[in-house]
Structure formats: structure tokens, C-alpha cells
PDB file of N, CA and C in Angstrom:
ATOM      1  N   MET A   1       0.798  -1.165   0.000  1.00  0.00           N
ATOM      2  CA  MET A   1       0.000   0.000   0.000  1.00  0.00           C
ATOM      3  C   MET A   1       0.861   1.257   0.000  1.00  0.00           C
ATOM      4  N   SER A   2       1.992   1.207   0.571  1.00  0.00           N
ATOM      5  CA  SER A   2       2.867   2.368   0.576  1.00  0.00           C
ATOM      6  C   SER A   2       3.368   2.680  -0.835  1.00  0.00           C
ATOM      7  N   ALA A   3       3.538   1.652  -1.679  1.00  0.00           N
ATOM      8  CA  ALA A   3       3.977   1.871  -3.053  1.00  0.00           C
ATOM      9  C   ALA A   3       2.880   2.583  -3.840  1.00  0.00           C
ATOM     10  N   ALA A   4       1.637   2.223  -3.623  1.00  0.00           N
ATOM     11  CA  ALA A   4       0.535   2.850  -4.338  1.00  0.00           C
ATOM     12  C   ALA A   4       0.382   4.303  -3.909  1.00  0.00           C
ATOM     13  N   GLY A   5       0.601   4.614  -2.672  1.00  0.00           N
ATOM     14  CA  GLY A   5       0.472   5.975  -2.163  1.00  0.00           C
ATOM     15  C   GLY A   5       1.570   6.872  -2.689  1.00  0.00           C
ATOM     16  N   SER A   6       2.777   6.330  -2.843  1.00  0.00           N
ATOM     17  CA  SER A   6       3.873   7.162  -3.337  1.00  0.00           C
ATOM     18  C   SER A   6       3.695   7.484  -4.819  1.00  0.00           C
ATOM     19  N   GLU A   7       3.083   6.574  -5.586  1.00  0.00           N
ATOM     20  CA  GLU A   7       2.842   6.839  -7.000  1.00  0.00           C
ATOM     21  C   GLU A   7       1.801   7.941  -7.169  1.00  0.00           C
ATOM     22  N   GLY A   8       0.792   7.983  -6.366  1.00  0.00           N
ATOM     23  CA  GLY A   8      -0.266   8.982  -6.469  1.00  0.00           C
ATOM     24  C   GLY A   8       0.243  10.367  -6.125  1.00  0.00           C
ATOM     25  N   SER A   9       1.145  10.502  -5.173  1.00  0.00           N
ATOM     26  CA  SER A   9       1.645  11.818  -4.788  1.00  0.00           C
ATOM     27  C   SER A   9       2.670  12.343  -5.790  1.00  0.00           C
ATOM     28  N   ALA A  10       3.282  11.462  -6.600  1.00  0.00           N
ATOM     29  CA  ALA A  10       4.282  11.872  -7.581  1.00  0.00           C
ATOM     30  C   ALA A  10       3.629  12.432  -8.843  1.00  0.00           C
ATOM     31  N   ALA A  11       2.333  12.246  -9.019  1.00  0.00           N
ATOM     32  CA  ALA A  11       1.645  12.743 -10.212  1.00  0.00           C
ATOM     33  C   ALA A  11       1.632  14.270 -10.193  1.00  0.00           C
ATOM     34  N   ILE A  12       1.796  14.884 -11.376  1.00  0.00           N
ATOM     35  CA  ILE A  12       1.843  16.343 -11.480  1.00  0.00           C
ATOM     36  C   ILE A  12       0.418  16.860 -11.600  1.00  0.00           C
ATOM     37  N   ASP A  13       0.128  17.884 -10.845  1.00  0.00           N
ATOM     38  CA  ASP A  13      -1.186  18.508 -10.890  1.00  0.00           C
ATOM     39  C   ASP A  13      -1.279  19.320 -12.189  1.00  0.00           C
ATOM     40  N   PRO A  14      -2.292  19.121 -13.042  1.00  0.00           N
ATOM     41  CA  PRO A  14      -2.358  19.799 -14.336  1.00  0.00           C
ATOM     42  C   PRO A  14      -2.640  21.298 -14.227  1.00  0.00           C
ATOM     43  N   ALA A  15      -3.185  21.785 -13.150  1.00  0.00           N
ATOM     44  CA  ALA A  15      -3.546  23.197 -13.042  1.00  0.00           C
ATOM     45  C   ALA A  15      -2.325  24.122 -13.104  1.00  0.00           C
ATOM     46  N   PRO A  16      -1.245  23.876 -12.354  1.00  0.00           N
ATOM     47  CA  PRO A  16      -0.087  24.789 -12.453  1.00  0.00           C
ATOM     48  C   PRO A  16       0.570  24.744 -13.841  1.00  0.00           C
ATOM     49  N   GLN A  17       0.581  23.579 -14.479  1.00  0.00           N
ATOM     50  CA  GLN A  17       1.175  23.466 -15.819  1.00  0.00           C
ATOM     51  C   GLN A  17       0.351  24.261 -16.838  1.00  0.00           C
ATOM     52  N   ALA A  18      -0.966  24.180 -16.743  1.00  0.00           N
ATOM     53  CA  ALA A  18      -1.830  24.925 -17.656  1.00  0.00           C
ATOM     54  C   ALA A  18      -1.663  26.425 -17.440  1.00  0.00           C
ATOM     55  N   ARG A  19      -1.509  26.835 -16.204  1.00  0.00           N
ATOM     56  CA  ARG A  19      -1.313  28.255 -15.903  1.00  0.00           C
ATOM     57  C   ARG A  19       0.014  28.748 -16.483  1.00  0.00           C
ATOM     58  N   ALA A  20       1.059  27.950 -16.359  1.00  0.00           N
ATOM     59  CA  ALA A  20       2.369  28.334 -16.902  1.00  0.00           C
ATOM     60  C   ALA A  20       2.311  28.425 -18.427  1.00  0.00           C
ATOM     61  N   ASP A  21       1.600  27.489 -19.071  1.00  0.00           N
ATOM     62  CA  ASP A  21       1.454  27.536 -20.524  1.00  0.00           C
ATOM     63  C   ASP A  21       0.686  28.790 -20.950  1.00  0.00           C
ATOM     64  N   GLY A  22      -0.346  29.130 -20.220  1.00  0.00           N
ATOM     65  CA  GLY A  22      -1.133  30.325 -20.540  1.00  0.00           C
ATOM     66  C   GLY A  22      -0.311  31.593 -20.400  1.00  0.00           C
ATOM     67  N   ILE A  23       0.489  31.672 -19.365  1.00  0.00           N
ATOM     68  CA  ILE A  23       1.333  32.855 -19.165  1.00  0.00           C
ATOM     69  C   ILE A  23       2.367  32.962 -20.285  1.00  0.00           C
ATOM     70  N   GLN A  24       2.938  31.818 -20.673  1.00  0.00           N
ATOM     71  CA  GLN A  24       3.925  31.838 -21.753  1.00  0.00           C
ATOM     72  C   GLN A  24       3.280  32.295 -23.065  1.00  0.00           C
ATOM     73  N   ARG A  25       2.081  31.814 -23.353  1.00  0.00           N
ATOM     74  CA  ARG A  25       1.384  32.238 -24.571  1.00  0.00           C
ATOM     75  C   ARG A  25       1.079  33.730 -24.538  1.00  0.00           C
ATOM     76  N   LEU A  26       0.691  34.232 -23.388  1.00  0.00           N
ATOM     77  CA  LEU A  26       0.415  35.656 -23.233  1.00  0.00           C
ATOM     78  C   LEU A  26       1.680  36.480 -23.467  1.00  0.00           C
ATOM     79  N   GLN A  27       2.799  36.022 -22.931  1.00  0.00           N
ATOM     80  CA  GLN A  27       4.062  36.731 -23.123  1.00  0.00           C
ATOM     81  C   GLN A  27       4.465  36.748 -24.603  1.00  0.00           C
ATOM     82  N   VAL A  28       4.318  35.614 -25.276  1.00  0.00           N
ATOM     83  CA  VAL A  28       4.668  35.543 -26.697  1.00  0.00           C
ATOM     84  C   VAL A  28       3.765  36.467 -27.505  1.00  0.00           C
ATOM     85  N   GLY A  29       2.483  36.492 -27.206  1.00  0.00           N
ATOM     86  CA  GLY A  29       1.556  37.359 -27.924  1.00  0.00           C
ATOM     87  C   GLY A  29       1.871  38.830 -27.719  1.00  0.00           C
ATOM     88  N   LEU A  30       2.139  39.219 -26.479  1.00  0.00           N
ATOM     89  CA  LEU A  30       2.474  40.616 -26.204  1.00  0.00           C
ATOM     90  C   LEU A  30       3.786  41.012 -26.874  1.00  0.00           C
ATOM     91  N   PHE A  31       4.756  40.108 -26.873  1.00  0.00           N
ATOM     92  CA  PHE A  31       6.021  40.381 -27.547  1.00  0.00           C
ATOM     93  C   PHE A  31       5.791  40.560 -29.052  1.00  0.00           C
ATOM     94  N   GLY A  32       4.936  39.747 -29.640  1.00  0.00           N
ATOM     95  CA  GLY A  32       4.635  39.868 -31.071  1.00  0.00           C
ATOM     96  C   GLY A  32       3.970  41.190 -31.399  1.00  0.00           C
ATOM     97  N   ILE A  33       3.015  41.609 -30.563  1.00  0.00           N
ATOM     98  CA  ILE A  33       2.339  42.895 -30.787  1.00  0.00           C
ATOM     99  C   ILE A  33       3.337  44.042 -30.668  1.00  0.00           C
ATOM    100  N   ALA A  34       4.209  43.980 -29.669  1.00  0.00           N
ATOM    101  CA  ALA A  34       5.211  45.033 -29.496  1.00  0.00           C
ATOM    102  C   ALA A  34       6.171  45.075 -30.689  1.00  0.00           C
ATOM    103  N   ALA A  35       6.560  43.919 -31.190  1.00  0.00           N
ATOM    104  CA  ALA A  35       7.465  43.878 -32.341  1.00  0.00           C
ATOM    105  C   ALA A  35       6.792  44.482 -33.571  1.00  0.00           C
ATOM    106  N   MET A  36       5.517  44.185 -33.791  1.00  0.00           N
ATOM    107  CA  MET A  36       4.806  44.753 -34.938  1.00  0.00           C
ATOM    108  C   MET A  36       4.682  46.271 -34.806  1.00  0.00           C
ATOM    109  N   MET A  37       4.423  46.761 -33.606  1.00  0.00           N
ATOM    110  CA  MET A  37       4.329  48.206 -33.402  1.00  0.00           C
ATOM    111  C   MET A  37       5.668  48.878 -33.695  1.00  0.00           C
ATOM    112  N   LEU A  38       6.757  48.244 -33.282  1.00  0.00           N
ATOM    113  CA  LEU A  38       8.075  48.809 -33.564  1.00  0.00           C
ATOM    114  C   LEU A  38       8.363  48.824 -35.068  1.00  0.00           C
ATOM    115  N   LEU A  39       7.995  47.764 -35.770  1.00  0.00           N
ATOM    116  CA  LEU A  39       8.228  47.716 -37.213  1.00  0.00           C
ATOM    117  C   LEU A  39       7.404  48.771 -37.947  1.00  0.00           C
ATOM    118  N   VAL A  40       6.151  48.948 -37.552  1.00  0.00           N
ATOM    119  CA  VAL A  40       5.305  49.960 -38.195  1.00  0.00           C
ATOM    120  C   VAL A  40       5.851  51.355 -37.911  1.00  0.00           C
ATOM    121  N   GLY A  41       6.298  51.588 -36.694  1.00  0.00           N
ATOM    122  CA  GLY A  41       6.890  52.882 -36.354  1.00  0.00           C
ATOM    123  C   GLY A  41       8.156  53.153 -37.153  1.00  0.00           C
ATOM    124  N   LEU A  42       8.993  52.146 -37.299  1.00  0.00           N
ATOM    125  CA  LEU A  42      10.225  52.295 -38.073  1.00  0.00           C
ATOM    126  C   LEU A  42       9.909  52.579 -39.543  1.00  0.00           C
ATOM    127  N   ALA A  43       8.923  51.887 -40.095  1.00  0.00           N
ATOM    128  CA  ALA A  43       8.530  52.128 -41.485  1.00  0.00           C
ATOM    129  C   ALA A  43       7.987  53.542 -41.655  1.00  0.00           C
ATOM    130  N   SER A  44       7.245  54.027 -40.682  1.00  0.00           N
ATOM    131  CA  SER A  44       6.710  55.386 -40.746  1.00  0.00           C
ATOM    132  C   SER A  44       7.839  56.414 -40.718  1.00  0.00           C
ATOM    133  N   ILE A  45       8.818  56.192 -39.873  1.00  0.00           N
ATOM    134  CA  ILE A  45       9.958  57.114 -39.789  1.00  0.00           C
ATOM    135  C   ILE A  45      10.724  57.122 -41.107  1.00  0.00           C
ATOM    136  N   ILE A  46      10.966  55.955 -41.672  1.00  0.00           N
ATOM    137  CA  ILE A  46      11.700  55.873 -42.939  1.00  0.00           C
ATOM    138  C   ILE A  46      10.915  56.575 -44.045  1.00  0.00           C
ATOM    139  N   GLY A  47       9.599  56.381 -44.079  1.00  0.00           N
ATOM    140  CA  GLY A  47       8.782  57.030 -45.100  1.00  0.00           C
ATOM    141  C   GLY A  47       8.789  58.542 -44.972  1.00  0.00           C
ATOM    142  N   SER A  48       8.692  59.056 -43.759  1.00  0.00           N
ATOM    143  CA  SER A  48       8.689  60.511 -43.579  1.00  0.00           C
ATOM    144  C   SER A  48      10.053  61.103 -43.929  1.00  0.00           C
ATOM    145  N   GLN A  49      11.134  60.400 -43.613  1.00  0.00           N
ATOM    146  CA  GLN A  49      12.466  60.886 -43.978  1.00  0.00           C
ATOM    147  C   GLN A  49      12.648  60.893 -45.499  1.00  0.00           C
ATOM    148  N   ALA A  50      12.101  59.903 -46.171  1.00  0.00           N
ATOM    149  CA  ALA A  50      12.194  59.869 -47.636  1.00  0.00           C
ATOM    150  C   ALA A  50      11.412  61.026 -48.242  1.00  0.00           C
ATOM    151  N   ASP A  51      10.254  61.354 -47.676  1.00  0.00           N
ATOM    152  CA  ASP A  51       9.475  62.487 -48.171  1.00  0.00           C
ATOM    153  C   ASP A  51      10.234  63.798 -47.975  1.00  0.00           C
ATOM    154  N   LEU A  52      10.890  63.950 -46.825  1.00  0.00           N
ATOM    155  CA  LEU A  52      11.668  65.160 -46.572  1.00  0.00           C
ATOM    156  C   LEU A  52      12.843  65.259 -47.541  1.00  0.00           C
ATOM    157  N   ALA A  53      13.480  64.147 -47.823  1.00  0.00           N
ATOM    158  CA  ALA A  53      14.613  64.158 -48.752  1.00  0.00           C
ATOM    159  C   ALA A  53      14.149  64.510 -50.162  1.00  0.00           C
ATOM    160  N   ASP A  54      12.970  64.046 -50.564  1.00  0.00           N
ATOM    161  CA  ASP A  54      12.448  64.379 -51.889  1.00  0.00           C
ATOM    162  C   ASP A  54      12.122  65.866 -52.001  1.00  0.00           C
ATOM    163  N   GLU A  55      11.601  66.449 -50.931  1.00  0.00           N
ATOM    164  CA  GLU A  55      11.270  67.869 -50.952  1.00  0.00           C
ATOM    165  C   GLU A  55      12.530  68.724 -51.012  1.00  0.00           C
ATOM    166  N   ALA A  56      13.605  68.289 -50.366  1.00  0.00           N
ATOM    167  CA  ALA A  56      14.831  69.070 -50.313  1.00  0.00           C
ATOM    168  C   ALA A  56      15.711  68.860 -51.537  1.00  0.00           C
ATOM    169  N   ALA A  57      15.405  67.898 -52.361  1.00  0.00           N
ATOM    170  CA  ALA A  57      16.242  67.598 -53.524  1.00  0.00           C
ATOM    171  C   ALA A  57      16.159  68.719 -54.550  1.00  0.00           C
ATOM    172  N   VAL A  58      17.258  68.923 -55.266  1.00  0.00           N
ATOM    173  CA  VAL A  58      17.310  69.935 -56.313  1.00  0.00           C
ATOM    174  C   VAL A  58      16.570  69.383 -57.526  1.00  0.00           C
ATOM    175  N   PRO A  59      15.672  70.168 -58.103  1.00  0.00           N
ATOM    176  CA  PRO A  59      14.954  69.658 -59.278  1.00  0.00           C
ATOM    177  C   PRO A  59      15.923  69.447 -60.438  1.00  0.00           C
ATOM    178  N   ASP A  60      15.526  68.592 -61.342  1.00  0.00           N
ATOM    179  CA  ASP A  60      16.356  68.316 -62.510  1.00  0.00           C
ATOM    180  C   ASP A  60      16.536  69.586 -63.329  1.00  0.00           C
ATOM    181  N   ALA A  61      17.694  69.708 -63.941  1.00  0.00           N
ATOM    182  CA  ALA A  61      17.996  70.893 -64.737  1.00  0.00           C
ATOM    183  C   ALA A  61      17.118  70.924 -65.982  1.00  0.00           C
ATOM    184  N   ALA A  62      16.795  72.127 -66.397  1.00  0.00           N
ATOM    185  CA  ALA A  62      15.997  72.299 -67.611  1.00  0.00           C
ATOM    186  C   ALA A  62      16.886  72.021 -68.817  1.00  0.00           C
ATOM    187  N   PRO A  63      16.323  71.583 -69.913  1.00  0.00           N
ATOM    188  CA  PRO A  63      17.150  71.323 -71.098  1.00  0.00           C
ATOM    189  C   PRO A  63      17.766  72.620 -71.620  1.00  0.00           C
ATOM    190  N   THR A  64      19.012  72.535 -72.082  1.00  0.00           N
ATOM    191  CA  THR A  64      19.707  73.732 -72.556  1.00  0.00           C
ATOM    192  C   THR A  64      19.346  74.068 -73.994  1.00  0.00           C
ATOM    193  N   THR A  65      18.833  73.148 -74.736  1.00  0.00           N
ATOM    194  CA  THR A  65      18.425  73.422 -76.115  1.00  0.00           C
ATOM    195  C   THR A  65      16.912  73.503 -76.179  1.00  0.00           C
ATOM    196  N   GLU A  66      16.456  74.326 -77.088  1.00  0.00           N
ATOM    197  CA  GLU A  66      15.018  74.443 -77.247  1.00  0.00           C
ATOM    198  C   GLU A  66      14.520  73.305 -78.120  1.00  0.00           C
ATOM    199  N   PRO A  67      13.424  72.722 -77.760  1.00  0.00           N
ATOM    200  CA  PRO A  67      12.910  71.625 -78.586  1.00  0.00           C
ATOM    201  C   PRO A  67      12.416  72.156 -79.924  1.00  0.00           C
ATOM    202  N   ARG A  68      12.685  71.394 -80.987  1.00  0.00           N
ATOM    203  CA  ARG A  68      12.237  71.774 -82.321  1.00  0.00           C
ATOM    204  C   ARG A  68      10.817  71.263 -82.523  1.00  0.00           C
ATOM    205  N   PRO A  69       9.987  72.055 -83.150  1.00  0.00           N
ATOM    206  CA  PRO A  69       8.642  71.533 -83.440  1.00  0.00           C
ATOM    207  C   PRO A  69       8.759  70.446 -84.505  1.00  0.00           C
ATOM    208  N   SER A  70       8.082  69.383 -84.284  1.00  0.00           N
ATOM    209  CA  SER A  70       8.148  68.278 -85.238  1.00  0.00           C
ATOM    210  C   SER A  70       7.160  68.537 -86.362  1.00  0.00           C
ATOM    211  N   SER A  71       7.602  68.262 -87.569  1.00  0.00           N
ATOM    212  CA  SER A  71       6.706  68.454 -88.705  1.00  0.00           C
ATOM    213  C   SER A  71       5.706  67.313 -88.730  1.00  0.00           C
ATOM    214  N   ALA A  72       4.538  67.596 -89.280  1.00  0.00           N
ATOM    215  CA  ALA A  72       3.454  66.616 -89.262  1.00  0.00           C
ATOM    216  C   ALA A  72       3.791  65.401 -90.112  1.00  0.00           C
ATOM    217  N   GLY A  73       4.517  65.598 -91.217  1.00  0.00           N
ATOM    218  CA  GLY A  73       4.806  64.487 -92.110  1.00  0.00           C
ATOM    219  C   GLY A  73       6.177  63.884 -91.866  1.00  0.00           C
ATOM    220  N   ALA A  74       6.779  64.135 -90.744  1.00  0.00           N
ATOM    221  CA  ALA A  74       8.126  63.638 -90.484  1.00  0.00           C
ATOM    222  C   ALA A  74       8.117  62.126 -90.343  1.00  0.00           C
ATOM    223  N   ASN A  75       9.155  61.540 -90.864  1.00  0.00           N
ATOM    224  CA  ASN A  75       9.321  60.095 -90.760  1.00  0.00           C
ATOM    225  C   ASN A  75      10.485  59.844 -89.810  1.00  0.00           C
ATOM    226  N   PRO A  76      10.231  59.351 -88.612  1.00  0.00           N
ATOM    227  CA  PRO A  76      11.320  59.198 -87.646  1.00  0.00           C
ATOM    228  C   PRO A  76      12.383  58.211 -88.105  1.00  0.00           C
ATOM    229  N   LEU A  77      12.010  57.195 -88.879  1.00  0.00           N
ATOM    230  CA  LEU A  77      13.018  56.251 -89.359  1.00  0.00           C
ATOM    231  C   LEU A  77      13.939  56.925 -90.373  1.00  0.00           C
ATOM    232  N   ALA A  78      13.376  57.743 -91.235  1.00  0.00           N
ATOM    233  CA  ALA A  78      14.199  58.442 -92.213  1.00  0.00           C
ATOM    234  C   ALA A  78      15.085  59.470 -91.523  1.00  0.00           C
ATOM    235  N   ASP A  79      14.578  60.131 -90.494  1.00  0.00           N
ATOM    236  CA  ASP A  79      15.384  61.093 -89.749  1.00  0.00           C
ATOM    237  C   ASP A  79      16.565  60.415 -89.077  1.00  0.00           C
ATOM    238  N   ALA A  80      16.377  59.193 -88.643  1.00  0.00           N
ATOM    239  CA  ALA A  80      17.451  58.459 -87.978  1.00  0.00           C
ATOM    240  C   ALA A  80      18.389  57.802 -88.975  1.00  0.00           C
ATOM    241  N   GLY A  81      18.055  57.833 -90.257  1.00  0.00           N
ATOM    242  CA  GLY A  81      18.905  57.233 -91.266  1.00  0.00           C
ATOM    243  C   GLY A  81      18.638  55.759 -91.478  1.00  0.00           C
ATOM    244  N   VAL A  82      17.540  55.280 -90.983  1.00  0.00           N
ATOM    245  CA  VAL A  82      17.192  53.875 -91.151  1.00  0.00           C
ATOM    246  C   VAL A  82      16.042  53.816 -92.143  1.00  0.00           C
ATOM    247  N   VAL A  83      16.387  53.618 -93.407  1.00  0.00           N
ATOM    248  CA  VAL A  83      15.377  53.603 -94.451  1.00  0.00           C
ATOM    249  C   VAL A  83      15.545  52.313 -95.234  1.00  0.00           C
ATOM    250  N   PRO A  84      14.480  51.600 -95.497  1.00  0.00           N
ATOM    251  CA  PRO A  84      14.618  50.381 -96.302  1.00  0.00           C
ATOM    252  C   PRO A  84      14.946  50.737 -97.749  1.00  0.00           C
ATOM    253  N   ASP A  85      15.601  49.825 -98.429  1.00  0.00           N
ATOM    254  CA  ASP A  85      15.951  50.035 -99.833  1.00  0.00           C
ATOM    255  C   ASP A  85      14.702  49.861-100.685  1.00  0.00           C
ATOM    256  N   ILE A  86      14.165  50.965-101.148  1.00  0.00           N
ATOM    257  CA  ILE A  86      12.969  50.946-101.982  1.00  0.00           C
ATOM    258  C   ILE A  86      13.372  51.481-103.352  1.00  0.00           C
ATOM    259  N   PRO A  87      13.060  50.757-104.421  1.00  0.00           N
ATOM    260  CA  PRO A  87      13.417  51.269-105.748  1.00  0.00           C
ATOM    261  C   PRO A  87      12.657  52.557-106.047  1.00  0.00           C
ATOM    262  N   ALA A  88      13.273  53.391-106.896  1.00  0.00           N
ATOM    263  CA  ALA A  88      12.669  54.680-107.214  1.00  0.00           C
ATOM    264  C   ALA A  88      11.350  54.494-107.943  1.00  0.00           C
ATOM    265  N   GLU A  89      11.315  53.571-108.900  1.00  0.00           N
ATOM    266  CA  GLU A  89      10.081  53.302-109.628  1.00  0.00           C
ATOM    267  C   GLU A  89       9.607  51.904-109.266  1.00  0.00           C
ATOM    268  N   PRO A  90       8.360  51.769-108.951  1.00  0.00           N
ATOM    269  CA  PRO A  90       7.888  50.419-108.641  1.00  0.00           C
ATOM    270  C   PRO A  90       7.901  49.565-109.898  1.00  0.00           C
ATOM    271  N   SER A  91       8.302  48.336-109.758  1.00  0.00           N
ATOM    272  CA  SER A  91       8.337  47.430-110.903  1.00  0.00           C
ATOM    273  C   SER A  91       6.908  47.029-111.245  1.00  0.00           C
ATOM    274  N   PRO A  92       6.611  46.946-112.547  1.00  0.00           N
ATOM    275  CA  PRO A  92       5.240  46.574-112.917  1.00  0.00           C
ATOM    276  C   PRO A  92       4.963  45.129-112.527  1.00  0.00           C
ATOM    277  N   ALA A  93       3.751  44.890-112.139  1.00  0.00           N
ATOM    278  CA  ALA A  93       3.364  43.535-111.752  1.00  0.00           C
ATOM    279  C   ALA A  93       3.302  42.678-113.008  1.00  0.00           C
ATOM    280  N   PRO A  94       3.796  41.459-112.956  1.00  0.00           N
ATOM    281  CA  PRO A  94       3.747  40.610-114.144  1.00  0.00           C
ATOM    282  C   PRO A  94       2.302  40.266-114.476  1.00  0.00           C
ATOM    283  N   LEU A  95       2.028  40.288-115.756  1.00  0.00           N
ATOM    284  CA  LEU A  95       0.684  39.954-116.202  1.00  0.00           C
ATOM    285  C   LEU A  95       0.627  38.460-116.459  1.00  0.00           C
ATOM    286  N   LEU A  96      -0.228  37.794-115.793  1.00  0.00           N
ATOM    287  CA  LEU A  96      -0.373  36.354-115.943  1.00  0.00           C
ATOM    288  C   LEU A  96      -1.729  36.055-116.555  1.00  0.00           C
ATOM    289  N   ASP A  97      -1.690  35.175-117.526  1.00  0.00           N
ATOM    290  CA  ASP A  97      -2.954  34.730-118.099  1.00  0.00           C
ATOM    291  C   ASP A  97      -3.615  33.782-117.114  1.00  0.00           C
ATOM    292  N   PRO A  98      -4.925  33.831-117.016  1.00  0.00           N
ATOM    293  CA  PRO A  98      -5.581  32.898-116.102  1.00  0.00           C
ATOM    294  C   PRO A  98      -5.348  31.468-116.574  1.00  0.00           C
ATOM    295  N   LEU A  99      -5.226  30.590-115.651  1.00  0.00           N
ATOM    296  CA  LEU A  99      -4.974  29.190-115.947  1.00  0.00           C
ATOM    297  C   LEU A  99      -6.237  28.578-116.534  1.00  0.00           C
ATOM    298  N   VAL A 100      -6.094  28.010-117.708  1.00  0.00           N
ATOM    299  CA  VAL A 100      -7.238  27.420-118.394  1.00  0.00           C
ATOM    300  C   VAL A 100      -7.215  25.929-118.110  1.00  0.00           C
ATOM    301  N   LEU A 101      -8.274  25.449-117.506  1.00  0.00           N
ATOM    302  CA  LEU A 101      -8.390  24.031-117.185  1.00  0.00           C
ATOM    303  C   LEU A 101      -9.528  23.432-117.995  1.00  0.00           C
ATOM    304  N   PRO A 102      -9.397  22.174-118.364  1.00  0.00           N
ATOM    305  CA  PRO A 102     -10.515  21.540-119.067  1.00  0.00           C
ATOM    306  C   PRO A 102     -11.693  21.385-118.116  1.00  0.00           C
ATOM    307  N   PRO A 103     -12.896  21.341-118.639  1.00  0.00           N
ATOM    308  CA  PRO A 103     -14.062  21.197-117.758  1.00  0.00           C
ATOM    309  C   PRO A 103     -13.998  19.853-117.045  1.00  0.00           C
ATOM    310  N   PRO A 104     -14.519  19.785-115.836  1.00  0.00           N
ATOM    311  CA  PRO A 104     -14.475  18.522-115.099  1.00  0.00           C
ATOM    312  C   PRO A 104     -15.352  17.473-115.767  1.00  0.00           C
ATOM    313  N   THR A 105     -14.852  16.260-115.768  1.00  0.00           N
ATOM    314  CA  THR A 105     -15.610  15.143-116.342  1.00  0.00           C
ATOM    315  C   THR A 105     -16.126  14.289-115.212  1.00  0.00           C
ATOM    316  N   SER A 106     -17.199  13.576-115.496  1.00  0.00           N
ATOM    317  CA  SER A 106     -17.751  12.711-114.456  1.00  0.00           C
ATOM    318  C   SER A 106     -16.824  11.524-114.269  1.00  0.00           C
ATOM    319  N   ALA A 107     -16.848  10.947-113.098  1.00  0.00           N
ATOM    320  CA  ALA A 107     -15.979   9.815-112.783  1.00  0.00           C
ATOM    321  C   ALA A 107     -16.416   8.617-113.598  1.00  0.00           C
ATOM    322  N   PRO A 108     -15.470   7.827-114.089  1.00  0.00           N
ATOM    323  CA  PRO A 108     -15.845   6.646-114.875  1.00  0.00           C
ATOM    324  C   PRO A 108     -16.634   5.681-114.016  1.00  0.00           C
ATOM    325  N   ALA A 109     -17.565   5.003-114.642  1.00  0.00           N
ATOM    326  CA  ALA A 109     -18.406   4.043-113.921  1.00  0.00           C
ATOM    327  C   ALA A 109     -17.552   2.871-113.471  1.00  0.00           C
ATOM    328  N   ALA A 110     -17.884   2.344-112.334  1.00  0.00           N
ATOM    329  CA  ALA A 110     -17.129   1.212-111.805  1.00  0.00           C
ATOM    330  C   ALA A 110     -17.406  -0.020-112.649  1.00  0.00           C
ATOM    331  N   ASN A 111     -16.391  -0.777-112.892  1.00  0.00           N
ATOM    332  CA  ASN A 111     -16.507  -1.982-113.702  1.00  0.00           C
ATOM    333  C   ASN A 111     -17.024  -3.103-112.819  1.00  0.00           C
ATOM    334  N   PRO A 112     -18.236  -3.613-113.061  1.00  0.00           N
ATOM    335  CA  PRO A 112     -18.772  -4.654-112.183  1.00  0.00           C
ATOM    336  C   PRO A 112     -17.976  -5.948-112.262  1.00  0.00           C
ATOM    337  N   SER A 113     -17.309  -6.198-113.356  1.00  0.00           N
ATOM    338  CA  SER A 113     -16.547  -7.448-113.454  1.00  0.00           C
ATOM    339  C   SER A 113     -15.256  -7.371-112.656  1.00  0.00           C
ATOM    340  N   ALA A 114     -14.768  -6.159-112.338  1.00  0.00           N
ATOM    341  CA  ALA A 114     -13.518  -6.020-111.600  1.00  0.00           C
ATOM    342  C   ALA A 114     -13.721  -6.227-110.112  1.00  0.00           C
ATOM    343  N   SER A 115     -14.949  -6.102-109.631  1.00  0.00           N
ATOM    344  CA  SER A 115     -15.165  -6.272-108.194  1.00  0.00           C
ATOM    345  C   SER A 115     -15.142  -7.749-107.837  1.00  0.00           C
ATOM    346  N   PRO A 116     -14.606  -8.101-106.680  1.00  0.00           N
ATOM    347  CA  PRO A 116     -14.545  -9.515-106.283  1.00  0.00           C
ATOM    348  C   PRO A 116     -15.937 -10.052-105.974  1.00  0.00           C
ATOM    349  N   LYS A 117     -16.148 -11.286-106.329  1.00  0.00           N
ATOM    350  CA  LYS A 117     -17.444 -11.923-106.088  1.00  0.00           C
ATOM    351  C   LYS A 117     -17.360 -12.735-104.806  1.00  0.00           C
ATOM    352  N   PRO A 118     -18.433 -12.714-104.049  1.00  0.00           N
ATOM    353  CA  PRO A 118     -18.398 -13.482-102.799  1.00  0.00           C
ATOM    354  C   PRO A 118     -18.544 -14.948-102.955  1.00  0.00           C
TER     355      PRO A 118
END
């Protein structure tokens, strides 16, 4: 009987273990929320600093040459010197006579003597 009594007292009570697990989960959750708040704050700071840097930046310089008005019929490929080799006069299309075919004839009748007999 003493052996049975010692086994019963060695059993762990589930209530303190459940409480410790709950506290650990609470700590992990609070740590996660705090980490997310820090990340959002850091992103906000970086974004505001980038906006300030954009406002303080020197604008791009204006072009030193005046743009030329483009003509309505301008060909940009010809302006760049990329023009296909086109002959000055188009070559005349060859004149072809229409193909004359004999009128269709009906198919020859099948030879009954050529077919195999059963």
C-alpha cells in the first residue's frame, strides 16, 4: 500500500502546468504585438524621412536646347537614317494569263466485273 500511495503523490497537478502555458502564450503574444508596433513605427519614420529628402532635392535641370517643333509628315526612321531600300520606280506587276483548265468530267463508272465476287 505504501507503493501505491507514493505513485499517487508523484503525479503532477495539471492546473499549475496549464497556468504556466497560458502565461507563456500571453508573453509571446504581447512580444509579437510590441514587435509589430516597432516595425510599423520604423517604417513610418523611414517614409517621412524619404518624403523630406524628396522635398529638399534639387529639381532636374531644364534642357539647354530648345525643342524643335516636329513636322506633321516627319518620318522618324528616315530622320534616324534607317530607311529600307525601296526602288525609285515600282516594278510593274507581271501579267499572268488565267490558268485554263478543261471542264471537269464525271468519274468513270465502276466496272462490275472487276469487283470480287463473294
